[in-house]
Amino acid sequence: MAFRADEATRNGNEEAENFLVTGLRGADESQRAASKAALQDIIDELGPAVDTYPTWHPLVCHHNARHPTTTPGKRCGYEGLDHTRYFVHGFITCPYGDGQEVIDAVLKLPSHPAAHITAERLDVKFYHLETTPVLVKCNWEHGVENDRMIPLRIAMPLILEKEVPCWQWAEVAETWETMRHYFLGSPHGSRSSLFVSQDTGQAIKKIWEALIYTGMFGPIKV
């Protein structure tokens, strides 16, 4: 089935709203209305809801190269995440308590050449009245496209930084069909996602295939 970005955006945003706002336990209508408006503002700023991140995305990139991860968690430096929903350039997590564990973990993340990660408590409620919603944001140093897509000039060097060093221990080269989930994030199509455009995804595919056909990672896995 062809990837339909508009449909994926609508479905993802509706699921995030159902999880964070519609299911807000114990809230009255005015609280839900405030939460819904705040969620829309966050989507307008950070882009639509997503399922997973590309492994090179600054929000998840601090992981063991042999064990890449596509969602924020302990494997990439976070602590205290609970009841979390992801967006293209940030995520909302709703732990019980004051959320300080999340904020402290973000402050300890290694620096990144393309972006800096911030965390802040929100003054509205999401998921449950007794949780403290925390917004974690990827603040790009050089900005992204007007449509909130990550351009090739940023995505490609981040991919190369993560993947090229793997030549030292790789035994086989993984094809685009295997790697596109890691390079595009999800939901995604054959060459595009909510993170990168069709043109950017096509360029990433072309460069990846040029790399694996050098033999640097070993024989191509069939």
N, C-alpha and C. Protein backbone atom coordinates (compact mmCIF):
# COMPACT_ATOMS: atom_id res chain seq x y z
N MET A 1 0.84 -1.20 0.00
CA MET A 1 0.00 0.00 0.00
C MET A 1 0.88 1.25 0.00
N ALA A 2 0.51 2.24 -0.79
CA ALA A 2 1.28 3.48 -0.87
C ALA A 2 1.22 4.23 0.45
N PHE A 3 2.32 4.92 0.77
CA PHE A 3 2.37 5.72 1.98
C PHE A 3 1.62 7.03 1.77
N ARG A 4 0.64 7.28 2.60
CA ARG A 4 -0.15 8.50 2.51
C ARG A 4 0.13 9.34 3.75
N ALA A 5 0.95 10.37 3.57
CA ALA A 5 1.39 11.17 4.71
C ALA A 5 0.22 11.85 5.42
N ASP A 6 -0.75 12.37 4.65
CA ASP A 6 -1.89 13.04 5.27
C ASP A 6 -2.69 12.08 6.14
N GLU A 7 -2.89 10.88 5.63
CA GLU A 7 -3.65 9.89 6.40
C GLU A 7 -2.87 9.45 7.64
N ALA A 8 -1.56 9.25 7.49
CA ALA A 8 -0.74 8.85 8.63
C ALA A 8 -0.73 9.95 9.69
N THR A 9 -0.66 11.21 9.25
CA THR A 9 -0.69 12.34 10.17
C THR A 9 -2.01 12.39 10.93
N ARG A 10 -3.10 12.27 10.21
CA ARG A 10 -4.42 12.33 10.85
C ARG A 10 -4.61 11.19 11.86
N ASN A 11 -4.25 9.98 11.47
CA ASN A 11 -4.41 8.84 12.37
C ASN A 11 -3.54 8.96 13.61
N GLY A 12 -2.29 9.40 13.41
CA GLY A 12 -1.38 9.53 14.54
C GLY A 12 -1.81 10.61 15.51
N ASN A 13 -2.24 11.75 14.98
CA ASN A 13 -2.68 12.84 15.85
C ASN A 13 -3.95 12.47 16.61
N GLU A 14 -4.85 11.75 15.95
CA GLU A 14 -6.07 11.33 16.63
C GLU A 14 -5.75 10.35 17.76
N GLU A 15 -4.83 9.43 17.52
CA GLU A 15 -4.46 8.48 18.57
C GLU A 15 -3.82 9.20 19.75
N ALA A 16 -2.94 10.17 19.46
CA ALA A 16 -2.29 10.93 20.53
C ALA A 16 -3.33 11.70 21.35
N GLU A 17 -4.30 12.31 20.67
CA GLU A 17 -5.34 13.04 21.38
C GLU A 17 -6.19 12.10 22.24
N ASN A 18 -6.54 10.95 21.70
CA ASN A 18 -7.32 9.98 22.47
C ASN A 18 -6.57 9.55 23.73
N PHE A 19 -5.27 9.34 23.59
CA PHE A 19 -4.47 8.85 24.71
C PHE A 19 -4.24 9.94 25.75
N LEU A 20 -3.90 11.14 25.29
CA LEU A 20 -3.48 12.20 26.21
C LEU A 20 -4.63 13.06 26.71
N VAL A 21 -5.68 13.22 25.90
CA VAL A 21 -6.74 14.17 26.25
C VAL A 21 -8.07 13.48 26.50
N THR A 22 -8.57 12.73 25.51
CA THR A 22 -9.89 12.11 25.65
C THR A 22 -9.92 11.17 26.86
N GLY A 23 -8.82 10.47 27.09
CA GLY A 23 -8.75 9.55 28.21
C GLY A 23 -8.28 10.16 29.51
N LEU A 24 -8.25 11.49 29.59
CA LEU A 24 -7.77 12.18 30.79
C LEU A 24 -8.70 11.90 31.96
N ARG A 25 -8.29 11.04 32.85
CA ARG A 25 -9.14 10.54 33.92
C ARG A 25 -9.44 11.62 34.96
N GLY A 26 -10.71 11.78 35.27
CA GLY A 26 -11.12 12.71 36.31
C GLY A 26 -11.21 14.16 35.89
N ALA A 27 -10.95 14.47 34.64
CA ALA A 27 -10.96 15.86 34.18
C ALA A 27 -12.37 16.30 33.81
N ASP A 28 -12.63 17.60 33.97
CA ASP A 28 -13.90 18.14 33.50
C ASP A 28 -13.72 18.68 32.09
N GLU A 29 -14.79 19.17 31.51
CA GLU A 29 -14.75 19.59 30.11
C GLU A 29 -13.81 20.77 29.88
N SER A 30 -13.75 21.69 30.82
CA SER A 30 -12.85 22.85 30.66
C SER A 30 -11.39 22.41 30.68
N GLN A 31 -11.06 21.44 31.53
CA GLN A 31 -9.68 20.94 31.58
C GLN A 31 -9.34 20.21 30.28
N ARG A 32 -10.28 19.42 29.79
CA ARG A 32 -10.03 18.72 28.53
C ARG A 32 -9.87 19.70 27.38
N ALA A 33 -10.65 20.75 27.37
CA ALA A 33 -10.54 21.75 26.31
C ALA A 33 -9.19 22.42 26.34
N ALA A 34 -8.70 22.76 27.54
CA ALA A 34 -7.37 23.38 27.67
C ALA A 34 -6.29 22.42 27.22
N SER A 35 -6.43 21.15 27.58
CA SER A 35 -5.43 20.15 27.19
C SER A 35 -5.44 19.93 25.68
N LYS A 36 -6.62 19.92 25.09
CA LYS A 36 -6.72 19.73 23.65
C LYS A 36 -6.08 20.89 22.90
N ALA A 37 -6.32 22.11 23.37
CA ALA A 37 -5.71 23.28 22.74
C ALA A 37 -4.20 23.26 22.88
N ALA A 38 -3.71 22.87 24.06
CA ALA A 38 -2.26 22.80 24.27
C ALA A 38 -1.63 21.74 23.38
N LEU A 39 -2.30 20.60 23.22
CA LEU A 39 -1.78 19.55 22.36
C LEU A 39 -1.69 20.03 20.91
N GLN A 40 -2.69 20.76 20.46
CA GLN A 40 -2.66 21.27 19.09
C GLN A 40 -1.51 22.24 18.90
N ASP A 41 -1.25 23.08 19.89
CA ASP A 41 -0.11 24.01 19.82
C ASP A 41 1.21 23.25 19.71
N ILE A 42 1.32 22.16 20.45
CA ILE A 42 2.54 21.34 20.42
C ILE A 42 2.70 20.70 19.04
N ILE A 43 1.61 20.17 18.49
CA ILE A 43 1.67 19.57 17.16
C ILE A 43 2.04 20.62 16.11
N ASP A 44 1.48 21.81 16.24
CA ASP A 44 1.81 22.88 15.30
C ASP A 44 3.30 23.21 15.34
N GLU A 45 3.89 23.12 16.53
CA GLU A 45 5.31 23.46 16.68
C GLU A 45 6.23 22.30 16.33
N LEU A 46 5.88 21.10 16.79
CA LEU A 46 6.80 19.96 16.71
C LEU A 46 6.49 18.98 15.59
N GLY A 47 5.39 19.17 14.90
CA GLY A 47 5.04 18.23 13.84
C GLY A 47 4.12 17.13 14.34
N PRO A 48 3.65 16.30 13.44
CA PRO A 48 2.64 15.30 13.79
C PRO A 48 3.17 14.18 14.66
N ALA A 49 2.23 13.43 15.22
CA ALA A 49 2.57 12.27 16.03
C ALA A 49 3.21 11.19 15.15
N VAL A 50 4.16 10.48 15.71
CA VAL A 50 4.85 9.40 15.01
C VAL A 50 4.94 8.19 15.92
N ASP A 51 5.31 7.05 15.33
CA ASP A 51 5.45 5.82 16.11
C ASP A 51 6.88 5.60 16.59
N THR A 52 7.86 5.83 15.70
CA THR A 52 9.27 5.66 16.05
C THR A 52 10.09 6.74 15.35
N TYR A 53 11.32 6.94 15.84
CA TYR A 53 12.25 7.90 15.26
C TYR A 53 13.29 7.19 14.39
N PRO A 54 13.86 7.89 13.42
CA PRO A 54 15.05 7.35 12.76
C PRO A 54 16.16 7.21 13.81
N THR A 55 17.01 6.22 13.66
CA THR A 55 18.06 5.99 14.67
C THR A 55 19.05 7.13 14.75
N TRP A 56 19.13 7.98 13.71
CA TRP A 56 20.06 9.10 13.70
C TRP A 56 19.45 10.37 14.29
N HIS A 57 18.18 10.36 14.62
CA HIS A 57 17.50 11.54 15.16
C HIS A 57 18.13 11.93 16.51
N PRO A 58 18.38 13.21 16.74
CA PRO A 58 19.02 13.62 18.00
C PRO A 58 18.29 13.16 19.26
N LEU A 59 16.99 12.91 19.18
CA LEU A 59 16.25 12.47 20.36
C LEU A 59 16.58 11.05 20.78
N VAL A 60 17.11 10.23 19.87
CA VAL A 60 17.40 8.83 20.22
C VAL A 60 18.80 8.38 19.83
N CYS A 61 19.63 9.27 19.34
CA CYS A 61 20.89 8.85 18.72
C CYS A 61 21.97 8.41 19.70
N HIS A 62 21.81 8.71 20.98
CA HIS A 62 22.86 8.36 21.94
C HIS A 62 22.66 6.92 22.43
N HIS A 63 22.91 5.98 21.54
CA HIS A 63 22.74 4.57 21.84
C HIS A 63 23.96 3.78 21.39
N ASN A 64 24.05 2.55 21.85
CA ASN A 64 25.10 1.66 21.41
C ASN A 64 24.91 1.35 19.93
N ALA A 65 25.96 1.58 19.12
CA ALA A 65 25.84 1.41 17.68
C ALA A 65 25.44 -0.01 17.29
N ARG A 66 25.79 -0.98 18.11
CA ARG A 66 25.44 -2.37 17.80
C ARG A 66 23.99 -2.69 18.17
N HIS A 67 23.38 -1.81 18.95
CA HIS A 67 22.01 -2.05 19.40
C HIS A 67 21.21 -0.76 19.25
N PRO A 68 20.92 -0.35 18.01
CA PRO A 68 20.22 0.92 17.78
C PRO A 68 18.81 0.89 18.35
N THR A 69 18.33 2.05 18.74
CA THR A 69 16.97 2.15 19.25
C THR A 69 16.23 3.25 18.50
N THR A 70 14.92 3.10 18.41
CA THR A 70 14.11 4.06 17.65
C THR A 70 13.09 4.78 18.53
N THR A 71 13.09 4.52 19.83
CA THR A 71 12.20 5.23 20.74
C THR A 71 12.99 5.67 21.96
N PRO A 72 12.65 6.82 22.54
CA PRO A 72 13.35 7.31 23.73
C PRO A 72 13.18 6.34 24.91
N GLY A 73 14.26 6.16 25.65
CA GLY A 73 14.24 5.28 26.81
C GLY A 73 15.61 5.22 27.44
N LYS A 74 15.79 4.30 28.36
CA LYS A 74 17.06 4.20 29.09
C LYS A 74 18.23 3.90 28.17
N ARG A 75 17.99 3.18 27.06
CA ARG A 75 19.09 2.82 26.16
C ARG A 75 19.69 4.03 25.46
N CYS A 76 18.98 5.15 25.44
CA CYS A 76 19.55 6.36 24.83
C CYS A 76 19.57 7.54 25.81
N GLY A 77 19.58 7.24 27.11
CA GLY A 77 19.89 8.25 28.10
C GLY A 77 18.76 8.83 28.93
N TYR A 78 17.53 8.38 28.72
CA TYR A 78 16.40 8.97 29.45
C TYR A 78 16.06 8.14 30.69
N GLU A 79 15.50 8.82 31.67
CA GLU A 79 15.00 8.17 32.87
C GLU A 79 13.63 8.73 33.19
N GLY A 80 12.79 7.91 33.77
CA GLY A 80 11.51 8.37 34.28
C GLY A 80 10.41 8.55 33.27
N LEU A 81 10.59 8.10 32.03
CA LEU A 81 9.54 8.26 31.02
C LEU A 81 8.36 7.34 31.33
N ASP A 82 7.15 7.84 31.12
CA ASP A 82 5.96 7.03 31.36
C ASP A 82 4.80 7.65 30.58
N HIS A 83 3.97 6.81 30.00
CA HIS A 83 2.80 7.29 29.25
C HIS A 83 3.22 8.36 28.25
N THR A 84 4.00 7.93 27.26
CA THR A 84 4.69 8.84 26.35
C THR A 84 4.11 8.76 24.94
N ARG A 85 4.04 9.93 24.30
CA ARG A 85 3.65 9.99 22.89
C ARG A 85 4.69 10.84 22.15
N TYR A 86 5.04 10.38 20.93
CA TYR A 86 6.13 10.97 20.17
C TYR A 86 5.61 11.85 19.04
N PHE A 87 6.38 12.88 18.72
CA PHE A 87 6.11 13.77 17.60
C PHE A 87 7.42 13.97 16.84
N VAL A 88 7.36 14.54 15.65
CA VAL A 88 8.54 14.60 14.79
C VAL A 88 9.73 15.26 15.48
N HIS A 89 9.49 16.33 16.22
CA HIS A 89 10.60 17.06 16.83
C HIS A 89 10.51 17.14 18.35
N GLY A 90 9.88 16.17 18.97
CA GLY A 90 9.80 16.15 20.42
C GLY A 90 8.82 15.11 20.91
N PHE A 91 8.69 14.99 22.22
CA PHE A 91 7.71 14.05 22.76
C PHE A 91 7.17 14.54 24.10
N ILE A 92 5.99 14.05 24.44
CA ILE A 92 5.35 14.33 25.73
C ILE A 92 5.39 13.06 26.55
N THR A 93 5.87 13.15 27.78
CA THR A 93 5.84 12.01 28.68
C THR A 93 5.14 12.44 29.96
N CYS A 94 4.40 11.51 30.57
CA CYS A 94 3.52 11.86 31.69
C CYS A 94 3.78 10.95 32.89
N PRO A 95 4.88 11.16 33.59
CA PRO A 95 5.16 10.34 34.77
C PRO A 95 4.34 10.80 35.98
N TYR A 96 4.07 9.88 36.88
CA TYR A 96 3.53 10.27 38.18
C TYR A 96 4.67 10.89 38.98
N GLY A 97 4.35 11.84 39.82
CA GLY A 97 5.40 12.57 40.52
C GLY A 97 5.63 13.92 39.85
N ASP A 98 6.83 14.49 40.08
CA ASP A 98 7.08 15.85 39.60
C ASP A 98 7.83 15.92 38.28
N GLY A 99 8.22 14.77 37.71
CA GLY A 99 8.90 14.76 36.43
C GLY A 99 10.36 15.18 36.48
N GLN A 100 10.91 15.39 37.68
CA GLN A 100 12.29 15.88 37.78
C GLN A 100 13.29 14.87 37.23
N GLU A 101 13.00 13.60 37.35
CA GLU A 101 13.91 12.57 36.85
C GLU A 101 14.10 12.71 35.34
N VAL A 102 13.02 13.03 34.64
CA VAL A 102 13.11 13.24 33.19
C VAL A 102 13.98 14.45 32.88
N ILE A 103 13.72 15.55 33.57
CA ILE A 103 14.45 16.79 33.33
C ILE A 103 15.93 16.61 33.63
N ASP A 104 16.27 15.95 34.73
CA ASP A 104 17.67 15.73 35.08
C ASP A 104 18.37 14.88 34.03
N ALA A 105 17.69 13.85 33.52
CA ALA A 105 18.29 12.97 32.51
C ALA A 105 18.56 13.74 31.23
N VAL A 106 17.64 14.61 30.82
CA VAL A 106 17.84 15.40 29.60
C VAL A 106 19.03 16.33 29.76
N LEU A 107 19.19 16.91 30.94
CA LEU A 107 20.32 17.81 31.18
C LEU A 107 21.65 17.07 31.07
N LYS A 108 21.66 15.77 31.31
CA LYS A 108 22.88 14.97 31.28
C LYS A 108 23.18 14.38 29.89
N LEU A 109 22.27 14.56 28.93
CA LEU A 109 22.51 14.01 27.60
C LEU A 109 23.76 14.64 26.99
N PRO A 110 24.54 13.87 26.23
CA PRO A 110 25.71 14.44 25.56
C PRO A 110 25.31 15.54 24.59
N SER A 111 26.21 16.46 24.35
CA SER A 111 25.92 17.51 23.37
C SER A 111 25.81 16.90 21.98
N HIS A 112 25.16 17.62 21.10
CA HIS A 112 24.93 17.14 19.74
C HIS A 112 25.27 18.25 18.77
N PRO A 113 25.91 17.94 17.64
CA PRO A 113 26.33 19.00 16.72
C PRO A 113 25.19 19.69 15.98
N ALA A 114 24.05 19.04 15.86
CA ALA A 114 22.97 19.59 15.04
C ALA A 114 21.79 20.11 15.84
N ALA A 115 21.71 19.77 17.12
CA ALA A 115 20.52 20.15 17.89
C ALA A 115 20.84 20.11 19.38
N HIS A 116 20.01 20.79 20.17
CA HIS A 116 20.10 20.64 21.62
C HIS A 116 18.72 20.24 22.14
N ILE A 117 18.73 19.37 23.12
CA ILE A 117 17.50 18.79 23.66
C ILE A 117 17.14 19.50 24.96
N THR A 118 15.89 19.90 25.09
CA THR A 118 15.42 20.56 26.30
C THR A 118 14.21 19.82 26.87
N ALA A 119 13.95 20.03 28.16
CA ALA A 119 12.79 19.44 28.81
C ALA A 119 12.14 20.47 29.71
N GLU A 120 10.83 20.53 29.68
CA GLU A 120 10.11 21.48 30.53
C GLU A 120 8.78 20.89 30.97
N ARG A 121 8.39 21.21 32.20
CA ARG A 121 7.08 20.81 32.67
C ARG A 121 6.01 21.65 31.97
N LEU A 122 4.88 21.03 31.70
CA LEU A 122 3.77 21.74 31.08
C LEU A 122 2.75 22.15 32.14
N ASP A 123 2.06 23.26 31.89
CA ASP A 123 1.09 23.74 32.87
C ASP A 123 -0.33 23.28 32.55
N VAL A 124 -0.45 22.24 31.74
CA VAL A 124 -1.75 21.60 31.50
C VAL A 124 -1.60 20.13 31.84
N LYS A 125 -2.73 19.44 31.89
CA LYS A 125 -2.72 18.03 32.24
C LYS A 125 -2.90 17.17 30.99
N PHE A 126 -2.15 16.07 30.96
CA PHE A 126 -2.32 15.05 29.93
C PHE A 126 -2.35 13.69 30.61
N TYR A 127 -3.05 12.77 30.03
CA TYR A 127 -3.16 11.37 30.42
C TYR A 127 -3.92 11.16 31.73
N HIS A 128 -3.49 11.81 32.83
CA HIS A 128 -4.10 11.63 34.14
C HIS A 128 -3.85 12.87 34.97
N LEU A 129 -4.82 13.24 35.80
CA LEU A 129 -4.68 14.46 36.60
C LEU A 129 -3.53 14.39 37.59
N GLU A 130 -3.07 13.19 37.93
CA GLU A 130 -2.01 13.06 38.93
C GLU A 130 -0.62 12.90 38.30
N THR A 131 -0.53 12.98 36.98
CA THR A 131 0.78 12.95 36.34
C THR A 131 1.27 14.37 36.09
N THR A 132 2.58 14.48 35.86
CA THR A 132 3.19 15.77 35.52
C THR A 132 3.71 15.68 34.09
N PRO A 133 2.99 16.23 33.13
CA PRO A 133 3.47 16.17 31.74
C PRO A 133 4.77 16.96 31.55
N VAL A 134 5.70 16.35 30.85
CA VAL A 134 6.98 16.98 30.53
C VAL A 134 7.14 16.95 29.02
N LEU A 135 7.48 18.10 28.45
CA LEU A 135 7.71 18.20 27.01
C LEU A 135 9.21 18.19 26.75
N VAL A 136 9.68 17.22 25.98
CA VAL A 136 11.08 17.11 25.59
C VAL A 136 11.16 17.51 24.12
N LYS A 137 12.00 18.50 23.82
CA LYS A 137 12.05 19.07 22.47
C LYS A 137 13.43 18.93 21.85
N CYS A 138 13.43 18.67 20.56
CA CYS A 138 14.65 18.71 19.76
C CYS A 138 14.72 20.07 19.09
N ASN A 139 15.65 20.90 19.54
CA ASN A 139 15.80 22.25 19.02
C ASN A 139 16.95 22.25 18.01
N TRP A 140 16.62 22.29 16.73
CA TRP A 140 17.63 22.19 15.68
C TRP A 140 18.45 23.48 15.61
N GLU A 141 19.75 23.34 15.49
CA GLU A 141 20.64 24.50 15.46
C GLU A 141 20.46 25.33 14.20
N HIS A 142 20.17 24.69 13.08
CA HIS A 142 20.07 25.40 11.81
C HIS A 142 18.67 25.34 11.21
N GLY A 143 17.72 24.94 12.02
CA GLY A 143 16.34 24.94 11.55
C GLY A 143 16.05 23.78 10.61
N VAL A 144 14.77 23.58 10.34
CA VAL A 144 14.32 22.55 9.40
C VAL A 144 13.45 23.23 8.35
N GLU A 145 12.96 22.44 7.43
CA GLU A 145 12.17 23.00 6.34
C GLU A 145 10.84 23.56 6.85
N ASN A 146 10.19 24.40 6.05
CA ASN A 146 8.92 25.00 6.44
C ASN A 146 7.85 23.96 6.72
N ASP A 147 7.95 22.80 6.06
CA ASP A 147 6.97 21.74 6.29
C ASP A 147 7.38 20.82 7.44
N ARG A 148 8.39 21.24 8.20
CA ARG A 148 8.93 20.53 9.37
C ARG A 148 9.67 19.25 8.99
N MET A 149 9.93 19.05 7.68
CA MET A 149 10.75 17.91 7.25
C MET A 149 12.23 18.21 7.54
N ILE A 150 12.97 17.15 7.82
CA ILE A 150 14.41 17.29 8.06
C ILE A 150 15.12 17.20 6.71
N PRO A 151 15.88 18.22 6.32
CA PRO A 151 16.49 18.24 4.99
C PRO A 151 17.65 17.27 4.88
N LEU A 152 17.99 16.95 3.64
CA LEU A 152 19.09 16.02 3.36
C LEU A 152 20.41 16.51 3.94
N ARG A 153 20.65 17.81 3.90
CA ARG A 153 21.93 18.35 4.37
C ARG A 153 22.13 18.11 5.86
N ILE A 154 21.05 17.86 6.61
CA ILE A 154 21.16 17.51 8.02
C ILE A 154 21.08 16.00 8.21
N ALA A 155 20.11 15.37 7.56
CA ALA A 155 19.90 13.93 7.76
C ALA A 155 21.09 13.09 7.32
N MET A 156 21.66 13.40 6.16
CA MET A 156 22.70 12.54 5.62
C MET A 156 23.96 12.48 6.47
N PRO A 157 24.51 13.63 6.92
CA PRO A 157 25.69 13.52 7.77
C PRO A 157 25.41 12.79 9.09
N LEU A 158 24.19 12.93 9.62
CA LEU A 158 23.87 12.22 10.86
C LEU A 158 23.81 10.72 10.62
N ILE A 159 23.27 10.32 9.46
CA ILE A 159 23.26 8.90 9.12
C ILE A 159 24.68 8.37 8.95
N LEU A 160 25.51 9.10 8.23
CA LEU A 160 26.87 8.65 7.99
C LEU A 160 27.66 8.55 9.30
N GLU A 161 27.46 9.51 10.19
CA GLU A 161 28.16 9.46 11.48
C GLU A 161 27.81 8.20 12.27
N LYS A 162 26.56 7.74 12.16
CA LYS A 162 26.15 6.55 12.88
C LYS A 162 26.55 5.27 12.17
N GLU A 163 26.50 5.25 10.85
CA GLU A 163 26.63 4.00 10.11
C GLU A 163 28.04 3.70 9.61
N VAL A 164 28.78 4.69 9.17
CA VAL A 164 30.11 4.41 8.60
C VAL A 164 31.03 3.72 9.59
N PRO A 165 31.08 4.12 10.88
CA PRO A 165 31.97 3.41 11.81
C PRO A 165 31.66 1.92 11.97
N CYS A 166 30.48 1.50 11.57
CA CYS A 166 30.10 0.09 11.72
C CYS A 166 30.92 -0.82 10.81
N TRP A 167 31.67 -0.26 9.84
CA TRP A 167 32.48 -1.10 8.98
C TRP A 167 33.52 -1.88 9.79
N GLN A 168 33.86 -1.39 10.97
CA GLN A 168 34.90 -2.03 11.77
C GLN A 168 34.48 -3.38 12.34
N TRP A 169 33.17 -3.58 12.52
CA TRP A 169 32.73 -4.84 13.12
C TRP A 169 31.61 -5.54 12.34
N ALA A 170 31.04 -4.87 11.33
CA ALA A 170 29.94 -5.48 10.57
C ALA A 170 30.43 -6.74 9.84
N GLU A 171 29.55 -7.71 9.75
CA GLU A 171 29.85 -8.95 9.03
C GLU A 171 29.11 -9.03 7.70
N VAL A 172 27.97 -8.35 7.60
CA VAL A 172 27.21 -8.31 6.36
C VAL A 172 26.66 -6.90 6.16
N ALA A 173 26.30 -6.57 4.94
CA ALA A 173 25.70 -5.28 4.61
C ALA A 173 24.19 -5.46 4.51
N GLU A 174 23.45 -4.65 5.23
CA GLU A 174 21.99 -4.73 5.21
C GLU A 174 21.45 -3.88 4.06
N THR A 175 20.45 -4.41 3.36
CA THR A 175 19.87 -3.71 2.22
C THR A 175 18.94 -2.58 2.68
N TRP A 176 18.52 -1.77 1.72
CA TRP A 176 17.58 -0.68 2.00
C TRP A 176 16.29 -1.21 2.60
N GLU A 177 15.82 -2.35 2.13
CA GLU A 177 14.57 -2.90 2.65
C GLU A 177 14.65 -3.15 4.14
N THR A 178 15.81 -3.56 4.62
CA THR A 178 16.01 -3.78 6.04
C THR A 178 16.23 -2.47 6.78
N MET A 179 16.97 -1.56 6.19
CA MET A 179 17.41 -0.36 6.89
C MET A 179 16.44 0.81 6.84
N ARG A 180 15.49 0.79 5.93
CA ARG A 180 14.65 1.98 5.78
C ARG A 180 13.85 2.30 7.04
N HIS A 181 13.47 1.28 7.81
CA HIS A 181 12.79 1.53 9.08
C HIS A 181 13.67 2.36 10.01
N TYR A 182 14.97 2.06 10.02
CA TYR A 182 15.92 2.77 10.88
C TYR A 182 16.26 4.16 10.34
N PHE A 183 16.25 4.32 9.03
CA PHE A 183 16.63 5.59 8.43
C PHE A 183 15.45 6.56 8.28
N LEU A 184 14.25 6.05 8.13
CA LEU A 184 13.09 6.90 7.84
C LEU A 184 12.21 7.15 9.05
N GLY A 185 12.29 6.31 10.10
CA GLY A 185 11.32 6.38 11.17
C GLY A 185 9.99 5.82 10.71
N SER A 186 9.02 5.81 11.60
CA SER A 186 7.70 5.29 11.20
C SER A 186 6.59 6.16 11.78
N PRO A 187 5.47 6.22 11.06
CA PRO A 187 5.15 5.49 9.83
C PRO A 187 6.00 5.97 8.65
N HIS A 188 6.19 5.07 7.68
CA HIS A 188 6.99 5.42 6.52
C HIS A 188 6.51 4.66 5.30
N GLY A 189 6.95 5.13 4.14
CA GLY A 189 6.70 4.43 2.90
C GLY A 189 7.99 3.81 2.40
N SER A 190 8.10 3.62 1.09
CA SER A 190 9.29 3.00 0.55
C SER A 190 10.49 3.94 0.57
N ARG A 191 10.23 5.28 0.49
CA ARG A 191 11.34 6.24 0.46
C ARG A 191 11.02 7.54 1.18
N SER A 192 9.96 7.59 1.94
CA SER A 192 9.62 8.83 2.64
C SER A 192 8.90 8.51 3.94
N SER A 193 8.79 9.53 4.78
CA SER A 193 8.12 9.38 6.06
C SER A 193 7.66 10.76 6.51
N LEU A 194 7.23 10.85 7.76
CA LEU A 194 6.86 12.15 8.31
C LEU A 194 8.09 12.95 8.74
N PHE A 195 9.27 12.33 8.64
CA PHE A 195 10.53 13.00 8.97
C PHE A 195 11.24 13.53 7.74
N VAL A 196 11.19 12.78 6.64
CA VAL A 196 11.93 13.17 5.44
C VAL A 196 11.04 13.05 4.21
N SER A 197 11.27 13.94 3.26
CA SER A 197 10.47 13.97 2.03
C SER A 197 10.88 12.83 1.09
N GLN A 198 10.11 12.68 0.04
CA GLN A 198 10.40 11.68 -0.99
C GLN A 198 11.77 11.91 -1.61
N ASP A 199 12.10 13.16 -1.92
CA ASP A 199 13.39 13.47 -2.53
C ASP A 199 14.53 13.15 -1.57
N THR A 200 14.36 13.52 -0.30
CA THR A 200 15.41 13.23 0.69
C THR A 200 15.56 11.73 0.89
N GLY A 201 14.45 11.03 1.01
CA GLY A 201 14.50 9.58 1.19
C GLY A 201 15.14 8.88 0.00
N GLN A 202 14.85 9.34 -1.20
CA GLN A 202 15.45 8.75 -2.39
C GLN A 202 16.96 8.96 -2.39
N ALA A 203 17.41 10.16 -1.98
CA ALA A 203 18.85 10.43 -1.92
C ALA A 203 19.52 9.57 -0.86
N ILE A 204 18.87 9.41 0.29
CA ILE A 204 19.43 8.56 1.34
C ILE A 204 19.57 7.12 0.83
N LYS A 205 18.55 6.63 0.15
CA LYS A 205 18.60 5.27 -0.40
C LYS A 205 19.76 5.13 -1.38
N LYS A 206 19.91 6.10 -2.27
CA LYS A 206 20.96 6.03 -3.28
C LYS A 206 22.35 6.01 -2.64
N ILE A 207 22.55 6.86 -1.64
CA ILE A 207 23.85 6.91 -0.96
C ILE A 207 24.10 5.64 -0.17
N TRP A 208 23.06 5.12 0.49
CA TRP A 208 23.23 3.87 1.25
C TRP A 208 23.60 2.72 0.32
N GLU A 209 22.93 2.63 -0.81
CA GLU A 209 23.25 1.53 -1.72
C GLU A 209 24.65 1.68 -2.29
N ALA A 210 25.09 2.92 -2.52
CA ALA A 210 26.47 3.11 -2.97
C ALA A 210 27.46 2.63 -1.91
N LEU A 211 27.14 2.87 -0.64
CA LEU A 211 28.02 2.44 0.45
C LEU A 211 28.10 0.92 0.54
N ILE A 212 26.95 0.26 0.54
CA ILE A 212 26.99 -1.19 0.75
C ILE A 212 27.64 -1.91 -0.43
N TYR A 213 27.54 -1.33 -1.63
CA TYR A 213 28.16 -1.99 -2.78
C TYR A 213 29.66 -1.75 -2.86
N THR A 214 30.22 -0.95 -1.97
CA THR A 214 31.69 -0.87 -1.88
C THR A 214 32.25 -2.11 -1.22
N GLY A 215 31.40 -2.85 -0.48
CA GLY A 215 31.86 -4.01 0.27
C GLY A 215 32.39 -3.67 1.65
N MET A 216 32.29 -2.41 2.05
CA MET A 216 32.87 -1.98 3.33
C MET A 216 32.25 -2.68 4.54
N PHE A 217 30.98 -3.09 4.41
CA PHE A 217 30.32 -3.75 5.53
C PHE A 217 30.32 -5.28 5.40
N GLY A 218 30.91 -5.78 4.32
CA GLY A 218 30.88 -7.21 4.06
C GLY A 218 29.90 -7.54 2.97
N PRO A 219 29.68 -8.82 2.70
CA PRO A 219 28.75 -9.22 1.64
C PRO A 219 27.32 -8.76 1.95
N ILE A 220 26.57 -8.48 0.90
CA ILE A 220 25.21 -8.00 1.10
C ILE A 220 24.32 -9.15 1.58
N LYS A 221 23.61 -8.90 2.67
CA LYS A 221 22.74 -9.92 3.25
C LYS A 221 21.54 -10.13 2.36
N VAL A 222 21.27 -11.37 2.01
CA VAL A 222 20.15 -11.71 1.16
C VAL A 222 19.01 -12.23 2.03
